[in-house]
């Protein structure tokens, strides 16, 4: 309710049935991460998620879940941005990016363990040049 994801999905073009199926799938995958086939079985046999989302349990199929997953994936960037902004608002946080230079530890490792690095370098040459 606080995330308002259902309203957002409607705003980006999901029909009411698609919103209900998508929310069913999101909840089911959060609780029981599995394939579409296994998720459909779990929803039908061992879950009350459809009571929450009001999606008819008899309409749940692996094919519908797969189609819903494709539509969610097609809108992944929009949904991720929306959820990022929404959770930042809810929890009063701001995004921060930390950049850490890993070159110094890498070269220190190369100096400390030259035998391992020779093997590593040879493997890289083999992969790159097929030597």
N, C-alpha and C. Protein backbone atom coordinates (compact mmCIF):
# COMPACT_ATOMS: atom_id res chain seq x y z
N UNK A 1 0.82 -1.19 0.00
CA UNK A 1 0.00 0.00 0.00
C UNK A 1 0.86 1.26 0.00
N UNK A 2 1.90 1.28 0.85
CA UNK A 2 2.72 2.47 0.94
C UNK A 2 3.55 2.70 -0.32
N UNK A 3 3.93 1.63 -0.99
CA UNK A 3 4.73 1.80 -2.21
C UNK A 3 3.90 2.31 -3.38
N UNK A 4 2.62 2.08 -3.36
CA UNK A 4 1.71 2.50 -4.44
C UNK A 4 2.11 1.91 -5.79
N UNK A 5 2.63 0.69 -5.75
CA UNK A 5 3.07 0.03 -6.97
C UNK A 5 1.89 -0.30 -7.88
N UNK A 6 0.77 -0.67 -7.29
CA UNK A 6 -0.42 -1.01 -8.09
C UNK A 6 -0.85 0.20 -8.92
N UNK A 7 -0.90 1.36 -8.29
CA UNK A 7 -1.27 2.59 -9.03
C UNK A 7 -0.24 2.89 -10.12
N UNK A 8 1.04 2.69 -9.79
CA UNK A 8 2.08 2.98 -10.76
C UNK A 8 1.98 2.05 -11.98
N UNK A 9 1.75 0.77 -11.73
CA UNK A 9 1.61 -0.16 -12.85
C UNK A 9 0.43 0.24 -13.74
N UNK A 10 -0.65 0.67 -13.14
CA UNK A 10 -1.80 1.16 -13.93
C UNK A 10 -1.41 2.37 -14.76
N UNK A 11 -0.64 3.27 -14.16
CA UNK A 11 -0.24 4.50 -14.86
C UNK A 11 0.69 4.24 -16.04
N UNK A 12 1.44 3.14 -16.00
CA UNK A 12 2.35 2.88 -17.12
C UNK A 12 1.75 1.91 -18.14
N UNK A 13 0.43 1.66 -18.04
CA UNK A 13 -0.25 0.93 -19.11
C UNK A 13 -0.68 -0.48 -18.80
N UNK A 14 -0.55 -0.94 -17.57
CA UNK A 14 -1.05 -2.27 -17.22
C UNK A 14 -2.56 -2.20 -17.01
N UNK A 15 -3.29 -3.17 -17.56
CA UNK A 15 -4.73 -3.24 -17.32
C UNK A 15 -4.96 -3.71 -15.88
N UNK A 16 -6.19 -3.65 -15.42
CA UNK A 16 -6.50 -4.07 -14.05
C UNK A 16 -6.14 -5.55 -13.84
N UNK A 17 -6.45 -6.39 -14.83
CA UNK A 17 -6.12 -7.80 -14.72
C UNK A 17 -4.60 -8.01 -14.70
N UNK A 18 -3.89 -7.26 -15.55
CA UNK A 18 -2.42 -7.37 -15.58
C UNK A 18 -1.79 -6.90 -14.27
N UNK A 19 -2.36 -5.84 -13.68
CA UNK A 19 -1.87 -5.34 -12.39
C UNK A 19 -2.06 -6.41 -11.32
N UNK A 20 -3.24 -7.02 -11.28
CA UNK A 20 -3.52 -8.04 -10.26
C UNK A 20 -2.62 -9.27 -10.44
N UNK A 21 -2.41 -9.67 -11.70
CA UNK A 21 -1.53 -10.81 -11.95
C UNK A 21 -0.08 -10.47 -11.61
N UNK A 22 0.36 -9.29 -12.00
CA UNK A 22 1.73 -8.87 -11.70
C UNK A 22 1.96 -8.79 -10.20
N UNK A 23 1.01 -8.23 -9.47
CA UNK A 23 1.18 -8.15 -8.01
C UNK A 23 1.15 -9.54 -7.38
N UNK A 24 0.33 -10.44 -7.93
CA UNK A 24 0.32 -11.83 -7.46
C UNK A 24 1.69 -12.45 -7.67
N UNK A 25 2.24 -12.23 -8.85
CA UNK A 25 3.55 -12.80 -9.17
C UNK A 25 4.66 -12.20 -8.31
N UNK A 26 4.65 -10.90 -8.10
CA UNK A 26 5.69 -10.24 -7.31
C UNK A 26 5.67 -10.76 -5.88
N UNK A 27 4.49 -10.85 -5.30
CA UNK A 27 4.38 -11.35 -3.92
C UNK A 27 4.83 -12.81 -3.86
N UNK A 28 4.33 -13.62 -4.79
CA UNK A 28 4.67 -15.04 -4.80
C UNK A 28 6.17 -15.25 -4.94
N UNK A 29 6.80 -14.51 -5.84
CA UNK A 29 8.24 -14.67 -6.07
C UNK A 29 9.06 -14.17 -4.88
N UNK A 30 8.54 -13.16 -4.18
CA UNK A 30 9.24 -12.67 -2.99
C UNK A 30 9.20 -13.71 -1.87
N UNK A 31 8.06 -14.40 -1.76
CA UNK A 31 7.88 -15.39 -0.70
C UNK A 31 8.46 -16.74 -1.09
N UNK A 32 8.27 -17.13 -2.35
CA UNK A 32 8.66 -18.45 -2.82
C UNK A 32 9.29 -18.33 -4.21
N UNK A 33 10.56 -17.95 -4.27
CA UNK A 33 11.20 -17.76 -5.58
C UNK A 33 11.36 -19.08 -6.33
N UNK A 34 10.75 -19.15 -7.49
CA UNK A 34 10.80 -20.39 -8.28
C UNK A 34 10.45 -20.06 -9.73
N UNK A 35 10.48 -21.08 -10.58
CA UNK A 35 10.11 -20.91 -11.99
C UNK A 35 8.62 -20.59 -12.10
N UNK A 36 8.20 -20.21 -13.29
CA UNK A 36 6.78 -19.93 -13.51
C UNK A 36 5.93 -21.17 -13.23
N UNK A 37 6.40 -22.32 -13.69
CA UNK A 37 5.65 -23.56 -13.48
C UNK A 37 5.50 -23.86 -11.99
N UNK A 38 6.60 -23.79 -11.26
CA UNK A 38 6.57 -24.07 -9.83
C UNK A 38 5.80 -22.99 -9.07
N UNK A 39 5.92 -21.74 -9.50
CA UNK A 39 5.17 -20.66 -8.85
C UNK A 39 3.68 -20.85 -9.05
N UNK A 40 3.26 -21.22 -10.26
CA UNK A 40 1.84 -21.47 -10.52
C UNK A 40 1.33 -22.60 -9.62
N UNK A 41 2.11 -23.67 -9.52
CA UNK A 41 1.71 -24.79 -8.66
C UNK A 41 1.61 -24.35 -7.21
N UNK A 42 2.60 -23.60 -6.74
CA UNK A 42 2.63 -23.15 -5.35
C UNK A 42 1.43 -22.25 -5.06
N UNK A 43 1.13 -21.32 -5.97
CA UNK A 43 -0.01 -20.41 -5.76
C UNK A 43 -1.31 -21.21 -5.66
N UNK A 44 -1.49 -22.17 -6.56
CA UNK A 44 -2.74 -22.94 -6.59
C UNK A 44 -2.88 -23.90 -5.41
N UNK A 45 -1.79 -24.47 -4.95
CA UNK A 45 -1.87 -25.52 -3.94
C UNK A 45 -1.54 -25.09 -2.52
N UNK A 46 -0.78 -24.00 -2.38
CA UNK A 46 -0.22 -23.76 -1.06
C UNK A 46 -0.16 -22.28 -0.68
N UNK A 47 -1.02 -21.46 -1.24
CA UNK A 47 -0.89 -20.03 -1.01
C UNK A 47 -2.26 -19.35 -0.97
N UNK A 48 -2.29 -18.24 -0.27
CA UNK A 48 -3.49 -17.41 -0.26
C UNK A 48 -3.22 -16.07 -0.92
N UNK A 49 -2.18 -16.01 -1.73
CA UNK A 49 -1.79 -14.75 -2.36
C UNK A 49 -2.91 -14.19 -3.24
N UNK A 50 -3.66 -15.05 -3.88
CA UNK A 50 -4.76 -14.57 -4.74
C UNK A 50 -5.88 -13.92 -3.93
N UNK A 51 -6.01 -14.29 -2.67
CA UNK A 51 -6.98 -13.63 -1.80
C UNK A 51 -6.57 -12.18 -1.55
N UNK A 52 -5.27 -11.95 -1.50
CA UNK A 52 -4.76 -10.60 -1.27
C UNK A 52 -4.87 -9.76 -2.53
N UNK A 53 -4.51 -10.33 -3.67
CA UNK A 53 -4.44 -9.56 -4.92
C UNK A 53 -5.73 -9.57 -5.72
N UNK A 54 -6.67 -10.40 -5.32
CA UNK A 54 -7.96 -10.52 -6.01
C UNK A 54 -7.84 -11.01 -7.44
N UNK A 55 -6.79 -11.79 -7.71
CA UNK A 55 -6.67 -12.42 -9.02
C UNK A 55 -7.26 -13.82 -8.91
N UNK A 56 -8.16 -14.22 -9.81
CA UNK A 56 -8.80 -15.53 -9.71
C UNK A 56 -7.77 -16.67 -9.76
N UNK A 57 -7.77 -17.49 -8.72
CA UNK A 57 -6.77 -18.56 -8.61
C UNK A 57 -6.89 -19.56 -9.75
N UNK A 58 -8.09 -19.75 -10.28
CA UNK A 58 -8.27 -20.72 -11.37
C UNK A 58 -7.69 -20.21 -12.70
N UNK A 59 -7.34 -18.93 -12.78
CA UNK A 59 -6.74 -18.38 -14.00
C UNK A 59 -5.21 -18.43 -13.98
N UNK A 60 -4.64 -18.83 -12.85
CA UNK A 60 -3.17 -18.87 -12.74
C UNK A 60 -2.63 -20.03 -13.58
N UNK A 61 -1.76 -19.68 -14.53
CA UNK A 61 -1.05 -20.69 -15.32
C UNK A 61 0.40 -20.24 -15.47
N UNK A 62 1.26 -21.18 -15.78
CA UNK A 62 2.67 -20.82 -16.01
C UNK A 62 2.79 -19.86 -17.18
N UNK A 63 1.96 -20.03 -18.20
CA UNK A 63 2.03 -19.17 -19.38
C UNK A 63 1.64 -17.73 -19.05
N UNK A 64 0.61 -17.56 -18.22
CA UNK A 64 0.21 -16.21 -17.82
C UNK A 64 1.28 -15.56 -16.95
N UNK A 65 1.87 -16.35 -16.06
CA UNK A 65 2.95 -15.82 -15.23
C UNK A 65 4.15 -15.42 -16.09
N UNK A 66 4.44 -16.22 -17.09
CA UNK A 66 5.56 -15.93 -17.99
C UNK A 66 5.30 -14.63 -18.75
N UNK A 67 4.09 -14.49 -19.28
CA UNK A 67 3.72 -13.28 -20.02
C UNK A 67 3.78 -12.05 -19.11
N UNK A 68 3.32 -12.22 -17.88
CA UNK A 68 3.37 -11.12 -16.91
C UNK A 68 4.82 -10.74 -16.60
N UNK A 69 5.67 -11.75 -16.44
CA UNK A 69 7.09 -11.49 -16.15
C UNK A 69 7.74 -10.72 -17.31
N UNK A 70 7.37 -11.07 -18.54
CA UNK A 70 7.92 -10.36 -19.70
C UNK A 70 7.49 -8.89 -19.71
N UNK A 71 6.24 -8.64 -19.34
CA UNK A 71 5.77 -7.26 -19.32
C UNK A 71 6.44 -6.48 -18.19
N UNK A 72 6.62 -7.12 -17.04
CA UNK A 72 7.33 -6.46 -15.95
C UNK A 72 8.77 -6.17 -16.36
N UNK A 73 9.40 -7.12 -17.03
CA UNK A 73 10.79 -6.94 -17.45
C UNK A 73 10.90 -5.83 -18.49
N UNK A 74 9.94 -5.72 -19.37
CA UNK A 74 9.96 -4.66 -20.39
C UNK A 74 9.90 -3.28 -19.74
N UNK A 75 9.33 -3.20 -18.55
CA UNK A 75 9.20 -1.92 -17.83
C UNK A 75 10.14 -1.85 -16.63
N UNK A 76 11.12 -2.71 -16.61
CA UNK A 76 12.02 -2.87 -15.46
C UNK A 76 12.67 -1.55 -15.03
N UNK A 77 13.22 -0.82 -15.96
CA UNK A 77 13.92 0.42 -15.60
C UNK A 77 12.97 1.44 -14.96
N UNK A 78 11.80 1.59 -15.54
CA UNK A 78 10.81 2.53 -14.99
C UNK A 78 10.38 2.10 -13.59
N UNK A 79 10.12 0.81 -13.43
CA UNK A 79 9.66 0.29 -12.14
C UNK A 79 10.76 0.43 -11.08
N UNK A 80 12.00 0.11 -11.46
CA UNK A 80 13.11 0.23 -10.51
C UNK A 80 13.30 1.68 -10.07
N UNK A 81 13.24 2.62 -11.02
CA UNK A 81 13.38 4.04 -10.65
C UNK A 81 12.26 4.48 -9.74
N UNK A 82 11.04 4.08 -10.06
CA UNK A 82 9.90 4.43 -9.22
C UNK A 82 10.09 3.89 -7.80
N UNK A 83 10.43 2.60 -7.69
CA UNK A 83 10.61 1.99 -6.37
C UNK A 83 11.78 2.60 -5.61
N UNK A 84 12.83 2.95 -6.31
CA UNK A 84 13.98 3.58 -5.66
C UNK A 84 13.57 4.93 -5.05
N UNK A 85 12.89 5.75 -5.83
CA UNK A 85 12.44 7.06 -5.32
C UNK A 85 11.43 6.88 -4.19
N UNK A 86 10.53 5.93 -4.35
CA UNK A 86 9.50 5.72 -3.35
C UNK A 86 10.09 5.26 -2.02
N UNK A 87 11.02 4.30 -2.06
CA UNK A 87 11.63 3.82 -0.81
C UNK A 87 12.50 4.91 -0.19
N UNK A 88 13.14 5.72 -1.02
CA UNK A 88 13.90 6.85 -0.47
C UNK A 88 12.99 7.80 0.30
N UNK A 89 11.80 8.06 -0.24
CA UNK A 89 10.83 8.92 0.44
C UNK A 89 10.31 8.26 1.72
N UNK A 90 9.95 6.99 1.62
CA UNK A 90 9.39 6.29 2.78
C UNK A 90 10.35 6.21 3.96
N UNK A 91 11.62 5.95 3.65
CA UNK A 91 12.60 5.74 4.72
C UNK A 91 13.51 6.94 4.92
N UNK A 92 13.20 8.06 4.27
CA UNK A 92 13.95 9.29 4.40
C UNK A 92 15.45 9.06 4.21
N UNK A 93 15.79 8.47 3.07
CA UNK A 93 17.19 8.23 2.73
C UNK A 93 17.49 8.85 1.37
N UNK A 94 18.76 9.01 1.10
CA UNK A 94 19.15 9.50 -0.21
C UNK A 94 20.20 8.56 -0.79
N UNK A 95 20.18 8.42 -2.10
CA UNK A 95 21.14 7.55 -2.77
C UNK A 95 22.52 8.18 -2.74
N UNK A 96 23.51 7.33 -2.49
CA UNK A 96 24.89 7.79 -2.52
C UNK A 96 25.70 6.77 -3.31
N UNK A 97 26.63 7.26 -4.07
CA UNK A 97 27.52 6.39 -4.83
C UNK A 97 28.92 6.56 -4.28
N UNK A 98 29.53 5.45 -3.92
CA UNK A 98 30.91 5.46 -3.44
C UNK A 98 31.78 4.83 -4.51
N UNK A 99 32.86 5.51 -4.84
CA UNK A 99 33.79 4.99 -5.83
C UNK A 99 35.09 4.63 -5.11
N UNK A 100 35.52 3.41 -5.29
CA UNK A 100 36.73 2.93 -4.63
C UNK A 100 37.72 2.47 -5.69
N UNK A 101 38.92 2.98 -5.62
CA UNK A 101 39.96 2.64 -6.58
C UNK A 101 40.59 1.31 -6.18
N UNK A 102 40.42 0.30 -7.01
CA UNK A 102 40.94 -1.04 -6.71
C UNK A 102 42.28 -1.32 -7.36
N UNK A 103 42.86 -0.36 -8.04
CA UNK A 103 44.12 -0.63 -8.74
C UNK A 103 45.27 -0.86 -7.78
N UNK A 104 45.36 -0.11 -6.69
CA UNK A 104 46.46 -0.27 -5.73
C UNK A 104 46.42 -1.66 -5.10
N UNK A 105 45.28 -2.11 -4.54
CA UNK A 105 45.26 -3.48 -3.99
C UNK A 105 45.58 -4.54 -5.05
N UNK A 106 45.15 -4.32 -6.29
CA UNK A 106 45.42 -5.28 -7.35
C UNK A 106 46.92 -5.40 -7.59
N UNK A 107 47.61 -4.25 -7.73
CA UNK A 107 49.05 -4.29 -7.98
C UNK A 107 49.83 -4.79 -6.77
N UNK A 108 49.34 -4.48 -5.56
CA UNK A 108 50.00 -5.02 -4.37
C UNK A 108 49.88 -6.54 -4.35
N UNK A 109 48.73 -7.05 -4.73
CA UNK A 109 48.55 -8.50 -4.80
C UNK A 109 49.49 -9.11 -5.84
N UNK A 110 49.60 -8.45 -6.98
CA UNK A 110 50.47 -8.95 -8.05
C UNK A 110 51.93 -9.03 -7.57
N UNK A 111 52.35 -8.04 -6.77
CA UNK A 111 53.73 -8.04 -6.26
C UNK A 111 53.94 -9.12 -5.20
N UNK A 112 52.94 -9.34 -4.35
CA UNK A 112 53.09 -10.28 -3.23
C UNK A 112 53.02 -11.73 -3.66
N UNK A 113 52.27 -12.02 -4.71
CA UNK A 113 52.06 -13.41 -5.13
C UNK A 113 52.39 -13.57 -6.61
N UNK A 114 53.67 -13.42 -6.99
CA UNK A 114 54.02 -13.47 -8.41
C UNK A 114 53.76 -14.83 -9.05
N UNK A 115 53.91 -15.93 -8.31
CA UNK A 115 53.69 -17.27 -8.90
C UNK A 115 52.24 -17.44 -9.32
N UNK A 116 51.32 -17.02 -8.48
CA UNK A 116 49.90 -17.11 -8.81
C UNK A 116 49.57 -16.21 -9.99
N UNK A 117 50.23 -15.06 -10.04
CA UNK A 117 49.95 -14.10 -11.10
C UNK A 117 50.46 -14.59 -12.45
N UNK A 118 51.56 -15.34 -12.44
CA UNK A 118 52.08 -15.89 -13.69
C UNK A 118 51.08 -16.86 -14.27
N UNK A 119 50.54 -17.72 -13.42
CA UNK A 119 49.52 -18.67 -13.87
C UNK A 119 48.29 -17.93 -14.38
N UNK A 120 47.89 -16.91 -13.62
CA UNK A 120 46.74 -16.10 -14.00
C UNK A 120 46.99 -15.43 -15.36
N UNK A 121 48.17 -14.86 -15.51
CA UNK A 121 48.50 -14.17 -16.76
C UNK A 121 48.53 -15.14 -17.94
N UNK A 122 49.08 -16.33 -17.72
CA UNK A 122 49.11 -17.33 -18.79
C UNK A 122 47.71 -17.76 -19.19
N UNK A 123 46.85 -17.93 -18.20
CA UNK A 123 45.45 -18.29 -18.50
C UNK A 123 44.78 -17.20 -19.32
N UNK A 124 45.03 -15.94 -18.96
CA UNK A 124 44.45 -14.82 -19.71
C UNK A 124 44.96 -14.81 -21.15
N UNK A 125 46.27 -15.00 -21.31
CA UNK A 125 46.83 -15.04 -22.67
C UNK A 125 46.22 -16.17 -23.49
N UNK A 126 46.05 -17.31 -22.86
CA UNK A 126 45.46 -18.45 -23.57
C UNK A 126 44.05 -18.12 -24.02
N UNK A 127 43.26 -17.48 -23.13
CA UNK A 127 41.88 -17.16 -23.48
C UNK A 127 41.81 -16.09 -24.58
N UNK A 128 42.73 -15.13 -24.50
CA UNK A 128 42.68 -14.02 -25.45
C UNK A 128 43.23 -14.44 -26.82
N UNK A 129 44.42 -15.06 -26.81
CA UNK A 129 45.11 -15.34 -28.06
C UNK A 129 45.04 -16.82 -28.48
N UNK A 130 44.54 -17.67 -27.60
CA UNK A 130 44.47 -19.08 -27.92
C UNK A 130 45.84 -19.72 -27.96
N UNK A 131 46.79 -19.17 -27.18
CA UNK A 131 48.16 -19.72 -27.15
C UNK A 131 48.22 -20.92 -26.24
